[in-house]
Amino acid sequence: MALRPIKTQSPVKAKCIVYLGSTLVLMTLCLLTTSSPIRRAIDFLQSLAGKLPNRIEQVELGLQSNKDTTAGQLGEDFSRDSSVMDDILHALKILQGHYFEPWQGTWPDAIDWTAAVIATQISGSLNAITRHPAYQPIDSPYGAVSENTISGYFTHITSFYFGENAFAIRSQAYDDMQWVVLGWVESIKTIRLHSDLHFADNKGYNSSWHGKDYIAAFAHRARIFWDLASKGWDTTLCGGGMLWSPYGVPYKNAITNELYIAASVSMYLYSPGDENGFPFQPGRADLSSHESSPTKEHDPKYLNAAIVAYSWLNDSNMTNSQGLYTDGFHILGWRGGDNGSSGTGNCDVRDEKVYSYNQGVILTGQRGLWEATGCEKYLTDGHDLVRNVIAATGYHEEVNDTLHQWAGLGRDGILEETCDAASSCTQNGQTFKGIFFHHLTTFCEPLPVGANGPVFHRADAALASLHRYSCLEYGPWIARNARAALGTRDSNGEFGNWWTVGLNASNDVSSKYNVVKVGTDYRNEGLPMDDIWRFSDDRSTLPGAQKPAATLALAGDPNNRGRGRTVETQSGGLAVLSALYRIVELYHKS
């Protein structure tokens, strides 16, 4: 069966000219370069007339929920009118019931950075649950059941605050540090949302949710790790950009810079500020390189950092012919900098490896930069990237589902890593697809409409409609990926990592799916032993490196190969289901 192509209209094009003053005062001017946005909105909405189904998820989803084992005692009330929410609750129950240890405050089988991502995705799923129509007010007959669902899983988040290996991550790579920032900012956003939705009007009861007590602590950790990671911004090579790691040869990769953009603008928008100086004391000579300055709410240094980093990344030539971000740049001839040779000093050796998460994290940065500046180009760039990703899964092509042709970042309309078919994914590779869908969800949140505030910009009705229907275009593709992911669940309800085979009722896949080798898959196969990636005498493993892949190779289920089903694959399944609910279901109900 041929896959349905999606429409290609883009939001209003814009060109942004940004002025950064010496006092970090920001002024942004957006110059529209296309026809009237009102006219574009009218034309676009007319083109969709009669084409959108009453419920987008019915286009290709066909979810089969396990009604007897899904929501469980914590959330049985939510399963009454939504199979998607039913599957979210089931995925969350398995994730926390099978993999989380409350007494340790963490997922013992995760590594430091994947644990931070898992916590982020749990907060994202709570964002969906709290907005579900079946959530009952706290003073209603079923209010205790509803609140117990949110508060029960929120206690796991607070437990992870103490179980997170925060001291170890401080000595790891700059990308590792920034997953911590995004995770605690996401928790802050969820706390505020839940409190505003369900506690603001409880006259005579509680005026705010108890989770607000943790905002200051979460903000402090986010600020500490942003300060530590910001040391990776380097202007001596390539004219700017974040270094991947303080160890080894310099490598300026997409993910570390995208994280810096997303983390910085998220801190600007959502951090309440932080005056807590612990654990760094200003003036201590032994800690001077790690001093962390208190910040105020909406501190412009964060916005300045995000804009500068986005400009550098945008001009870096890091995207390939399909419009996808490649992994990063080496510096030709670099042999030690001041102690050797800086080579060309330019980012001129590009590694062509493409990972799904390199296409995802930047979406949170683009959405945040629009909200902070009002510049529509950030939204345009984001929608262009999403469409490129969808095309690179083969969804645009009139392909035969039985050919399984690689399209650049997947096949058969399903997002896929090259390590999936080869069963060589480490914990890194098993985390990537979930990251993409989490940040796609953030990007596709409805644009707020109305008058601009002192910090947050608002859209007019035309722009909000264009963004809304652009995201609805992605609905059938998201649904197809969710259905594929659900197809990988085993009898225990645990998700596999290779979603593509979830569309295939047969387990005989060995001769049908080619294994693709493009670029250096160092995230799954380790750093090459060559002078591009290492010093000649360096044979070490970077701090925080992944646990090696298992040697499991069972016949039958292709998702039992390699590392098999893990906490990372379960979190990825949760993320794609949350994307389906928050982008498609909530848009239809709004």
Protein backbone atom coordinates (compact mmCIF):
# COMPACT_ATOMS: atom_id res chain seq x y z
CA MET A 1 0.00 0.00 0.00
CA ALA A 2 1.39 3.40 -0.95
CA LEU A 3 2.05 5.84 1.86
CA ARG A 4 0.04 9.02 1.93
CA PRO A 5 2.09 12.15 1.08
CA ILE A 6 1.62 15.14 3.34
CA LYS A 7 1.04 18.70 2.26
CA THR A 8 3.98 21.01 1.83
CA GLN A 9 2.71 24.44 2.87
CA SER A 10 5.03 26.21 5.29
CA PRO A 11 4.32 28.89 7.87
CA VAL A 12 4.91 32.53 6.99
CA LYS A 13 8.48 33.12 5.90
CA ALA A 14 10.39 35.78 7.78
CA LYS A 15 13.82 37.25 7.97
CA CYS A 16 15.13 38.20 11.39
CA ILE A 17 17.71 40.86 12.10
CA VAL A 18 18.93 40.61 15.67
CA TYR A 19 20.85 43.31 17.52
CA LEU A 20 22.80 42.34 20.62
CA GLY A 21 23.94 45.22 22.77
CA SER A 22 26.89 45.20 25.13
CA THR A 23 24.48 45.16 28.06
CA LEU A 24 22.77 42.05 26.69
CA VAL A 25 19.68 44.07 25.83
CA LEU A 26 17.95 42.35 22.96
CA MET A 27 16.06 43.92 20.10
CA THR A 28 14.60 41.81 17.34
CA LEU A 29 13.17 42.98 14.06
CA CYS A 30 11.27 40.53 11.90
CA LEU A 31 10.74 41.50 8.28
CA LEU A 32 8.06 39.52 6.49
CA THR A 33 9.17 38.35 3.07
CA THR A 34 6.00 36.74 1.76
CA SER A 35 2.42 37.71 1.12
CA SER A 36 0.02 38.68 3.85
CA PRO A 37 -0.14 36.09 6.64
CA ILE A 38 -3.92 36.55 6.75
CA ARG A 39 -4.17 35.68 3.06
CA ARG A 40 -1.85 32.71 3.53
CA ALA A 41 -3.91 31.44 6.45
CA ILE A 42 -7.16 31.70 4.51
CA ASP A 43 -5.70 29.94 1.49
CA PHE A 44 -4.18 27.21 3.64
CA LEU A 45 -7.32 26.54 5.67
CA GLN A 46 -9.43 26.44 2.50
CA SER A 47 -7.04 23.86 1.04
CA LEU A 48 -7.69 21.65 4.07
CA ALA A 49 -11.49 21.90 3.91
CA GLY A 50 -12.97 18.45 4.02
CA LYS A 51 -9.57 16.75 4.13
CA LEU A 52 -9.01 16.44 7.87
CA PRO A 53 -10.67 13.41 9.49
CA ASN A 54 -12.78 13.91 12.58
CA ARG A 55 -10.09 12.13 14.56
CA ILE A 56 -6.65 12.26 12.99
CA GLU A 57 -5.39 9.21 14.83
CA GLN A 58 -7.91 7.05 12.96
CA VAL A 59 -6.10 7.72 9.66
CA GLU A 60 -3.52 5.04 10.23
CA LEU A 61 -3.26 4.36 13.93
CA GLY A 62 -5.59 1.46 14.65
CA LEU A 63 -4.36 1.19 18.25
CA GLN A 64 -5.35 -1.92 20.14
CA SER A 65 -5.26 -1.06 23.82
CA ASN A 66 -4.92 -3.66 26.56
CA LYS A 67 -7.95 -2.56 28.52
CA ASP A 68 -7.40 -5.19 31.19
CA THR A 69 -3.81 -4.23 31.99
CA THR A 70 -3.36 -0.58 31.03
CA ALA A 71 -4.09 2.21 33.45
CA GLY A 72 -4.10 0.20 36.63
CA GLN A 73 -5.07 1.51 40.04
CA LEU A 74 -3.24 4.79 39.64
CA GLY A 75 -5.04 5.84 36.51
CA GLU A 76 -7.98 3.62 35.65
CA ASP A 77 -10.31 6.60 35.42
CA PHE A 78 -8.40 8.02 32.46
CA SER A 79 -9.10 5.09 30.12
CA ARG A 80 -12.75 5.94 29.62
CA ASP A 81 -12.54 7.91 26.37
CA SER A 82 -9.08 7.69 24.86
CA SER A 83 -7.15 4.64 23.71
CA VAL A 84 -4.07 6.82 23.26
CA MET A 85 -4.15 7.98 26.87
CA ASP A 86 -4.78 4.38 27.88
CA ASP A 87 -1.56 3.34 26.15
CA ILE A 88 0.37 6.26 27.68
CA LEU A 89 -0.66 5.18 31.17
CA HIS A 90 0.26 1.59 30.42
CA ALA A 91 3.68 2.57 29.04
CA LEU A 92 4.32 4.75 32.09
CA LYS A 93 3.24 2.01 34.46
CA ILE A 94 5.64 -0.47 32.84
CA LEU A 95 8.47 2.07 32.72
CA GLN A 96 8.28 2.85 36.41
CA GLY A 97 7.15 -0.55 37.60
CA HIS A 98 9.78 -2.59 35.74
CA TYR A 99 12.77 -0.26 35.71
CA PHE A 100 12.58 2.38 38.49
CA GLU A 101 13.87 1.73 42.01
CA PRO A 102 12.34 4.25 44.45
CA TRP A 103 14.85 3.46 47.19
CA GLN A 104 17.68 4.42 44.82
CA GLY A 105 15.78 7.26 43.22
CA THR A 106 16.77 6.24 39.72
CA TRP A 107 16.63 3.65 36.96
CA PRO A 108 19.66 1.47 37.84
CA ASP A 109 20.15 0.18 34.31
CA ALA A 110 20.29 3.69 32.79
CA ILE A 111 23.49 5.69 32.43
CA ASP A 112 23.69 9.24 33.71
CA TRP A 113 22.56 11.14 30.64
CA THR A 114 19.84 8.68 29.60
CA ALA A 115 18.41 8.84 33.13
CA ALA A 116 18.08 12.62 32.72
CA VAL A 117 16.26 12.08 29.42
CA ILE A 118 13.91 9.50 30.94
CA ALA A 119 12.94 11.92 33.71
CA THR A 120 12.31 14.59 31.07
CA GLN A 121 9.99 12.30 29.13
CA ILE A 122 8.08 11.31 32.24
CA SER A 123 7.44 15.00 32.95
CA GLY A 124 6.28 15.33 29.35
CA SER A 125 3.80 12.49 29.81
CA LEU A 126 2.46 14.08 33.00
CA ASN A 127 1.91 17.21 30.93
CA ALA A 128 -0.44 15.14 28.75
CA ILE A 129 -2.18 13.38 31.64
CA THR A 130 -2.99 16.55 33.55
CA ARG A 131 -4.69 18.04 30.49
CA HIS A 132 -6.84 14.99 29.77
CA PRO A 133 -10.60 15.71 29.96
CA ALA A 134 -11.12 12.81 32.39
CA TYR A 135 -8.92 14.45 35.02
CA GLN A 136 -11.24 15.12 37.93
CA PRO A 137 -11.01 18.16 40.25
CA ILE A 138 -9.50 17.34 43.60
CA ASP A 139 -12.81 17.92 45.42
CA SER A 140 -14.83 15.68 43.08
CA PRO A 141 -15.78 12.03 43.79
CA TYR A 142 -12.95 10.75 41.58
CA GLY A 143 -10.54 13.56 42.37
CA ALA A 144 -8.31 11.43 44.60
CA VAL A 145 -7.81 8.90 41.79
CA SER A 146 -6.88 11.60 39.31
CA GLU A 147 -4.53 13.42 41.63
CA ASN A 148 -2.92 10.18 42.77
CA THR A 149 -1.90 9.49 39.17
CA ILE A 150 0.00 12.77 38.86
CA SER A 151 1.36 12.93 42.40
CA GLY A 152 2.37 9.27 42.39
CA TYR A 153 4.65 9.67 39.40
CA PHE A 154 5.78 13.12 40.51
CA THR A 155 7.21 11.53 43.67
CA HIS A 156 9.45 9.50 41.36
CA ILE A 157 10.70 12.74 39.79
CA THR A 158 11.47 14.21 43.20
CA SER A 159 13.13 10.97 44.22
CA PHE A 160 15.30 11.19 41.11
CA TYR A 161 16.39 14.69 42.14
CA PHE A 162 18.24 13.01 45.02
CA GLY A 163 19.14 9.85 43.10
CA GLU A 164 20.62 11.61 40.07
CA ASN A 165 24.40 11.22 39.86
CA ALA A 166 24.88 14.97 39.75
CA PHE A 167 28.48 15.02 40.91
CA ALA A 168 29.62 12.53 38.27
CA ILE A 169 27.88 14.37 35.42
CA ARG A 170 29.84 17.53 36.27
CA SER A 171 32.98 15.83 35.01
CA GLN A 172 31.44 14.44 31.85
CA ALA A 173 30.94 15.90 28.38
CA TYR A 174 29.17 19.19 27.76
CA ASP A 175 26.20 17.52 26.10
CA ASP A 176 25.67 15.28 29.15
CA MET A 177 25.45 18.31 31.42
CA GLN A 178 22.77 19.95 29.31
CA TRP A 179 20.37 17.01 29.41
CA VAL A 180 20.23 17.75 33.13
CA VAL A 181 19.24 21.37 32.45
CA LEU A 182 16.43 20.42 30.08
CA GLY A 183 15.13 17.76 32.43
CA TRP A 184 14.63 20.01 35.43
CA VAL A 185 13.23 22.87 33.37
CA GLU A 186 10.67 20.41 31.95
CA SER A 187 9.72 19.44 35.49
CA ILE A 188 9.24 23.10 36.41
CA LYS A 189 6.94 23.60 33.42
CA THR A 190 4.86 20.56 34.37
CA ILE A 191 4.56 21.68 38.01
CA ARG A 192 3.29 25.08 36.96
CA LEU A 193 0.87 23.65 34.43
CA HIS A 194 -0.67 21.16 36.85
CA SER A 195 -0.97 23.74 39.60
CA ASP A 196 -2.55 26.33 37.29
CA LEU A 197 -5.02 23.85 35.79
CA HIS A 198 -6.26 22.19 38.96
CA PHE A 199 -5.38 24.23 42.05
CA ALA A 200 -5.58 27.92 41.19
CA ASP A 201 -9.33 28.19 41.84
CA ASN A 202 -9.63 25.90 44.84
CA LYS A 203 -10.99 28.54 47.18
CA GLY A 204 -10.71 27.47 50.79
CA TYR A 205 -8.62 24.42 49.90
CA ASN A 206 -5.20 24.87 48.31
CA SER A 207 -4.22 27.75 46.07
CA SER A 208 -1.23 25.90 44.59
CA TRP A 209 -0.01 22.36 44.16
CA HIS A 210 2.52 20.91 46.60
CA GLY A 211 4.91 20.30 43.69
CA LYS A 212 5.69 24.01 43.63
CA ASP A 213 7.79 23.46 46.73
CA TYR A 214 10.42 21.85 44.49
CA ILE A 215 10.70 24.57 41.86
CA ALA A 216 13.55 26.38 43.60
CA ALA A 217 15.58 23.18 43.97
CA PHE A 218 15.00 22.14 40.36
CA ALA A 219 15.88 25.62 39.13
CA HIS A 220 19.09 25.60 41.14
CA ARG A 221 20.29 22.36 39.63
CA ALA A 222 19.40 23.55 36.14
CA ARG A 223 21.34 26.77 36.69
CA ILE A 224 24.42 24.99 38.05
CA PHE A 225 24.58 22.67 35.07
CA TRP A 226 23.96 25.44 32.56
CA ASP A 227 26.87 27.37 34.04
CA LEU A 228 29.12 24.33 33.88
CA ALA A 229 28.13 23.49 30.31
CA SER A 230 28.54 27.07 29.10
CA LYS A 231 32.30 26.66 29.62
CA GLY A 232 32.17 24.64 26.41
CA TRP A 233 31.42 27.69 24.25
CA ASP A 234 34.62 28.26 22.29
CA THR A 235 35.57 31.05 19.89
CA THR A 236 39.18 30.02 19.23
CA LEU A 237 38.12 27.43 16.64
CA CYS A 238 35.48 27.73 13.92
CA GLY A 239 34.53 31.24 15.04
CA GLY A 240 32.34 29.91 17.83
CA GLY A 241 30.26 26.90 18.75
CA MET A 242 30.11 24.48 21.64
CA LEU A 243 32.77 21.81 22.06
CA TRP A 244 31.38 18.35 22.59
CA SER A 245 33.70 17.54 25.49
CA PRO A 246 36.52 19.05 27.55
CA TYR A 247 38.46 15.84 26.90
CA GLY A 248 40.32 14.73 23.80
CA VAL A 249 40.47 16.43 20.43
CA PRO A 250 37.99 19.24 19.73
CA TYR A 251 34.75 18.23 18.05
CA LYS A 252 31.92 20.67 17.46
CA ASN A 253 28.83 18.57 16.99
CA ALA A 254 25.20 19.29 16.34
CA ILE A 255 23.75 17.86 19.54
CA THR A 256 25.90 19.85 21.96
CA ASN A 257 25.10 23.10 20.16
CA GLU A 258 21.41 22.28 19.86
CA LEU A 259 21.29 21.47 23.55
CA TYR A 260 22.97 24.77 24.34
CA ILE A 261 20.37 26.65 22.29
CA ALA A 262 17.43 24.75 23.79
CA ALA A 263 18.73 24.85 27.36
CA SER A 264 19.61 28.54 27.17
CA VAL A 265 16.29 29.77 25.82
CA SER A 266 14.41 27.44 28.19
CA MET A 267 16.30 28.93 31.14
CA TYR A 268 15.40 32.41 29.90
CA LEU A 269 11.70 31.60 29.58
CA TYR A 270 11.04 29.31 32.52
CA SER A 271 13.69 29.60 35.22
CA PRO A 272 12.41 31.58 38.22
CA GLY A 273 15.96 32.71 38.95
CA ASP A 274 18.32 31.28 41.52
CA GLU A 275 20.15 33.00 44.35
CA ASN A 276 21.48 29.79 45.91
CA GLY A 277 25.30 29.79 45.80
CA PHE A 278 25.75 26.16 46.84
CA PRO A 279 28.06 24.32 46.19
CA PHE A 280 30.32 26.98 44.63
CA GLN A 281 31.49 29.87 46.76
CA PRO A 282 32.60 33.02 44.91
CA GLY A 283 36.23 33.99 45.51
CA ARG A 284 37.51 30.51 46.27
CA ALA A 285 40.69 30.16 44.22
CA ASP A 286 40.34 26.39 43.90
CA LEU A 287 36.84 26.77 42.47
CA SER A 288 37.30 29.91 40.38
CA SER A 289 36.93 28.03 37.10
CA HIS A 290 33.57 26.70 38.26
CA GLU A 291 32.06 29.77 39.89
CA SER A 292 28.34 29.94 39.29
CA SER A 293 26.68 33.33 39.49
CA PRO A 294 23.17 33.80 40.87
CA THR A 295 20.61 34.69 38.23
CA LYS A 296 17.31 36.50 38.07
CA GLU A 297 14.12 35.45 36.36
CA HIS A 298 14.26 35.90 32.57
CA ASP A 299 17.96 36.67 32.74
CA PRO A 300 18.93 38.10 29.31
CA LYS A 301 22.28 36.27 29.35
CA TYR A 302 20.42 33.08 28.53
CA LEU A 303 18.58 34.57 25.59
CA ASN A 304 21.77 36.16 24.31
CA ALA A 305 23.54 32.79 24.44
CA ALA A 306 20.71 31.05 22.58
CA ILE A 307 20.57 33.61 19.78
CA VAL A 308 24.33 33.68 19.24
CA ALA A 309 24.53 29.89 19.27
CA TYR A 310 21.63 29.56 16.84
CA SER A 311 23.24 32.00 14.46
CA TRP A 312 26.50 30.04 14.59
CA LEU A 313 24.78 26.69 14.04
CA ASN A 314 22.67 28.09 11.22
CA ASP A 315 25.79 29.30 9.42
CA SER A 316 27.92 26.22 10.13
CA ASN A 317 26.99 24.15 7.07
CA MET A 318 26.06 21.23 9.31
CA THR A 319 23.06 20.06 7.25
CA ASN A 320 23.27 17.61 4.37
CA SER A 321 21.51 17.52 0.99
CA GLN A 322 18.33 16.19 2.62
CA GLY A 323 18.22 19.13 5.01
CA LEU A 324 19.15 16.95 7.99
CA TYR A 325 21.74 17.77 10.61
CA THR A 326 24.87 15.68 10.28
CA ASP A 327 26.76 14.89 13.44
CA GLY A 328 29.50 17.50 13.57
CA PHE A 329 32.85 18.96 12.57
CA HIS A 330 36.49 18.20 13.22
CA ILE A 331 39.29 20.70 12.63
CA LEU A 332 41.69 19.67 9.89
CA GLY A 333 45.25 19.29 11.15
CA TRP A 334 44.50 20.03 14.83
CA ARG A 335 47.21 18.54 17.04
CA GLY A 336 46.98 20.12 20.43
CA GLY A 337 46.28 23.79 19.97
CA ASP A 338 48.65 25.98 21.97
CA ASN A 339 50.88 22.99 22.68
CA GLY A 340 50.93 21.77 19.11
CA SER A 341 49.07 22.91 16.05
CA SER A 342 45.57 24.32 15.68
CA GLY A 343 45.53 23.17 12.08
CA THR A 344 43.23 25.25 9.93
CA GLY A 345 41.28 26.43 12.99
CA ASN A 346 38.11 25.89 10.96
CA CYS A 347 35.27 23.40 11.05
CA ASP A 348 36.19 21.73 7.78
CA VAL A 349 36.00 17.95 8.34
CA ARG A 350 32.32 17.09 8.57
CA ASP A 351 31.17 13.70 9.77
CA GLU A 352 28.12 12.68 7.72
CA LYS A 353 26.50 10.50 10.37
CA VAL A 354 22.82 11.36 10.87
CA TYR A 355 21.03 10.60 14.14
CA SER A 356 17.37 11.26 14.86
CA TYR A 357 18.01 13.19 18.07
CA ASN A 358 20.11 15.71 16.13
CA GLN A 359 16.89 16.65 14.35
CA GLY A 360 14.87 16.89 17.56
CA VAL A 361 16.51 18.96 20.28
CA ILE A 362 16.82 22.03 18.04
CA LEU A 363 13.01 22.11 17.74
CA THR A 364 12.70 23.08 21.40
CA GLY A 365 15.26 25.82 20.79
CA GLN A 366 13.40 27.11 17.74
CA ARG A 367 10.06 27.16 19.52
CA GLY A 368 11.57 28.93 22.53
CA LEU A 369 13.37 31.50 20.41
CA TRP A 370 10.13 32.39 18.64
CA GLU A 371 8.40 32.79 21.99
CA ALA A 372 11.23 34.95 23.32
CA THR A 373 11.69 37.16 20.25
CA GLY A 374 8.57 36.90 18.11
CA CYS A 375 10.71 36.16 15.07
CA GLU A 376 8.79 33.82 12.77
CA LYS A 377 11.89 32.52 11.01
CA TYR A 378 12.54 30.23 13.97
CA LEU A 379 9.16 28.56 13.42
CA THR A 380 9.73 28.37 9.67
CA ASP A 381 13.11 26.69 10.20
CA GLY A 382 11.51 24.20 12.58
CA HIS A 383 8.69 23.22 10.26
CA ASP A 384 11.14 22.85 7.37
CA LEU A 385 13.25 20.49 9.49
CA VAL A 386 10.26 18.37 10.55
CA ARG A 387 9.20 17.98 6.93
CA ASN A 388 12.74 16.98 6.01
CA VAL A 389 12.72 14.32 8.72
CA ILE A 390 9.38 12.92 7.58
CA ALA A 391 10.62 12.77 3.99
CA ALA A 392 13.78 11.01 5.15
CA THR A 393 11.70 8.19 6.60
CA GLY A 394 10.22 7.50 3.16
CA TYR A 395 6.80 8.88 4.06
CA HIS A 396 6.63 11.18 1.05
CA GLU A 397 7.56 8.49 -1.42
CA GLU A 398 5.19 6.17 -3.26
CA VAL A 399 7.03 3.18 -1.86
CA ASN A 400 6.04 -0.45 -1.56
CA ASP A 401 6.00 -1.40 2.11
CA THR A 402 7.63 -4.73 1.29
CA LEU A 403 10.81 -3.19 -0.18
CA HIS A 404 11.97 -1.51 3.05
CA GLN A 405 14.19 0.98 1.22
CA TRP A 406 16.37 3.20 3.39
CA ALA A 407 15.44 6.87 2.88
CA GLY A 408 18.04 8.67 5.00
CA LEU A 409 16.62 8.45 8.52
CA GLY A 410 14.29 5.49 8.33
CA ARG A 411 12.16 3.46 5.97
CA ASP A 412 8.48 2.62 5.42
CA GLY A 413 7.57 5.96 6.96
CA ILE A 414 9.10 5.02 10.34
CA LEU A 415 11.93 6.81 12.10
CA GLU A 416 14.92 4.51 12.46
CA GLU A 417 18.56 4.58 13.52
CA THR A 418 21.13 2.75 11.42
CA CYS A 419 22.00 0.67 14.48
CA ASP A 420 18.46 -0.74 14.66
CA ALA A 421 18.73 -3.21 11.79
CA ALA A 422 22.30 -4.07 12.77
CA SER A 423 21.22 -4.65 16.41
CA SER A 424 24.27 -2.61 17.45
CA CYS A 425 22.49 0.13 19.40
CA THR A 426 23.95 1.05 22.76
CA GLN A 427 21.99 2.95 25.38
CA ASN A 428 22.78 6.03 23.31
CA GLY A 429 21.12 4.78 20.15
CA GLN A 430 18.20 3.33 22.07
CA THR A 431 17.38 6.79 23.43
CA PHE A 432 17.48 8.86 20.24
CA LYS A 433 14.02 8.38 18.71
CA GLY A 434 12.23 9.18 21.95
CA ILE A 435 14.23 12.40 22.20
CA PHE A 436 13.09 13.44 18.73
CA PHE A 437 9.42 12.92 19.51
CA HIS A 438 9.64 14.68 22.86
CA HIS A 439 11.04 17.82 21.27
CA LEU A 440 8.66 17.65 18.31
CA THR A 441 5.89 17.72 20.90
CA THR A 442 7.32 20.83 22.53
CA PHE A 443 7.68 22.54 19.17
CA CYS A 444 4.08 21.78 18.17
CA GLU A 445 2.45 23.15 21.31
CA PRO A 446 -0.29 25.61 20.23
CA LEU A 447 1.00 29.15 19.84
CA PRO A 448 -0.41 31.51 22.48
CA VAL A 449 -2.57 34.24 20.95
CA GLY A 450 -3.04 37.81 22.14
CA ALA A 451 -1.03 40.83 23.14
CA ASN A 452 2.70 40.45 23.70
CA GLY A 453 3.91 40.44 27.26
CA PRO A 454 7.23 41.77 28.57
CA VAL A 455 8.90 38.38 27.96
CA PHE A 456 6.59 36.04 26.06
CA HIS A 457 5.53 36.92 22.54
CA ARG A 458 2.14 35.97 21.18
CA ALA A 459 0.92 35.05 17.72
CA ASP A 460 -1.89 36.59 15.73
CA ALA A 461 -4.73 34.33 14.69
CA ALA A 462 -3.28 33.71 11.23
CA LEU A 463 0.13 32.55 12.46
CA ALA A 464 -1.43 30.42 15.20
CA SER A 465 -3.63 28.70 12.60
CA LEU A 466 -0.74 28.08 10.24
CA HIS A 467 1.30 26.51 13.03
CA ARG A 468 -1.66 24.45 14.22
CA TYR A 469 -2.45 22.97 10.83
CA SER A 470 1.18 22.46 9.95
CA CYS A 471 1.49 20.31 13.06
CA LEU A 472 -1.77 18.52 12.24
CA GLU A 473 -0.21 17.59 8.89
CA TYR A 474 2.30 15.54 10.83
CA GLY A 475 -0.46 13.66 12.67
CA PRO A 476 -0.76 10.62 10.37
CA TRP A 477 3.02 10.20 10.33
CA ILE A 478 3.21 10.43 14.13
CA ALA A 479 0.33 7.93 14.35
CA ARG A 480 2.13 5.54 12.03
CA ASN A 481 5.24 5.67 14.21
CA ALA A 482 3.17 5.18 17.36
CA ARG A 483 1.45 2.15 15.83
CA ALA A 484 4.83 0.72 14.81
CA ALA A 485 6.25 1.27 18.29
CA LEU A 486 3.23 -0.41 19.89
CA GLY A 487 3.76 -3.33 17.53
CA THR A 488 7.13 -4.03 19.19
CA ARG A 489 5.70 -4.61 22.68
CA ASP A 490 6.25 -8.06 24.12
CA SER A 491 4.00 -10.02 26.43
CA ASN A 492 5.23 -7.90 29.35
CA GLY A 493 4.20 -4.67 27.65
CA GLU A 494 7.81 -3.58 27.07
CA PHE A 495 8.69 -1.63 23.92
CA GLY A 496 11.43 -2.64 21.53
CA ASN A 497 13.79 -0.20 19.88
CA TRP A 498 13.44 -1.12 16.19
CA TRP A 499 9.97 0.26 15.56
CA THR A 500 9.95 -0.42 11.81
CA VAL A 501 9.48 -4.14 12.34
CA GLY A 502 6.45 -3.41 14.50
CA LEU A 503 4.53 -2.95 11.25
CA ASN A 504 5.49 -6.45 10.15
CA ALA A 505 3.49 -9.37 11.51
CA SER A 506 6.31 -11.73 10.54
CA ASN A 507 9.48 -12.02 12.59
CA ASP A 508 11.49 -13.04 9.51
CA VAL A 509 13.32 -9.79 8.82
CA SER A 510 16.95 -10.78 8.29
CA SER A 511 16.82 -10.74 4.49
CA LYS A 512 14.46 -7.81 4.08
CA TYR A 513 16.17 -4.84 5.76
CA ASN A 514 19.54 -3.62 4.56
CA VAL A 515 22.05 -2.30 7.09
CA VAL A 516 23.23 1.20 6.20
CA LYS A 517 26.70 2.58 6.95
CA VAL A 518 27.10 6.35 6.59
CA GLY A 519 29.52 8.41 8.64
CA THR A 520 31.04 7.41 11.96
CA ASP A 521 28.62 5.70 14.35
CA TYR A 522 30.67 6.53 17.42
CA ARG A 523 27.56 6.74 19.60
CA ASN A 524 27.02 3.02 19.18
CA GLU A 525 30.39 1.62 18.11
CA GLY A 526 32.72 3.81 20.17
CA LEU A 527 35.34 6.35 19.13
CA PRO A 528 37.53 5.22 16.24
CA MET A 529 41.17 4.63 17.03
CA ASP A 530 42.46 7.27 14.63
CA ASP A 531 44.03 10.71 14.76
CA ILE A 532 40.84 12.48 13.71
CA TRP A 533 38.94 11.42 16.82
CA ARG A 534 41.79 10.89 19.29
CA PHE A 535 45.31 11.84 20.22
CA SER A 536 47.70 9.22 18.90
CA ASP A 537 48.32 7.82 22.40
CA ASP A 538 44.71 8.04 23.59
CA ARG A 539 42.91 4.73 23.97
CA SER A 540 40.72 5.75 26.86
CA THR A 541 36.97 5.80 27.34
CA LEU A 542 35.32 9.16 27.93
CA PRO A 543 33.70 9.72 31.35
CA GLY A 544 30.05 8.74 31.32
CA ALA A 545 30.43 6.42 28.33
CA GLN A 546 27.67 3.94 27.61
CA LYS A 547 27.57 0.42 28.94
CA PRO A 548 28.56 -2.04 26.19
CA ALA A 549 25.90 -3.77 24.13
CA ALA A 550 24.92 -7.21 25.29
CA THR A 551 25.57 -10.22 23.10
CA LEU A 552 21.98 -11.44 23.23
CA ALA A 553 20.97 -12.89 19.86
CA LEU A 554 17.72 -14.80 20.11
CA ALA A 555 15.86 -16.22 17.14
CA GLY A 556 12.44 -14.84 16.36
CA ASP A 557 11.70 -11.40 17.82
CA PRO A 558 14.18 -8.96 16.19
CA ASN A 559 13.90 -6.65 19.21
CA ASN A 560 15.45 -9.34 21.40
CA ARG A 561 18.77 -8.91 19.60
CA GLY A 562 21.57 -6.69 20.86
CA ARG A 563 20.66 -5.05 24.15
CA GLY A 564 17.05 -6.13 23.79
CA ARG A 565 14.29 -4.19 25.54
CA THR A 566 15.55 -1.68 28.08
CA VAL A 567 14.50 1.30 30.14
CA GLU A 568 15.57 3.52 27.23
CA THR A 569 13.38 1.70 24.70
CA GLN A 570 10.42 1.89 27.07
CA SER A 571 10.91 5.62 27.53
CA GLY A 572 11.06 6.04 23.76
CA GLY A 573 7.70 4.31 23.38
CA LEU A 574 6.22 6.61 26.01
CA ALA A 575 7.56 9.66 24.17
CA VAL A 576 5.98 8.82 20.80
CA LEU A 577 2.63 8.11 22.44
CA SER A 578 2.79 11.41 24.32
CA ALA A 579 3.54 13.14 21.02
CA LEU A 580 0.50 11.55 19.41
CA TYR A 581 -1.76 12.64 22.25
CA ARG A 582 -0.45 16.17 22.74
CA ILE A 583 -0.08 17.07 19.06
CA VAL A 584 -3.09 15.28 17.58
CA GLU A 585 -5.67 14.56 20.27
CA LEU A 586 -5.36 17.84 22.14
CA TYR A 587 -5.38 19.85 18.91
CA HIS A 588 -8.65 18.22 17.92
CA LYS A 589 -10.21 18.83 21.31
CA SER A 590 -9.09 22.46 21.49
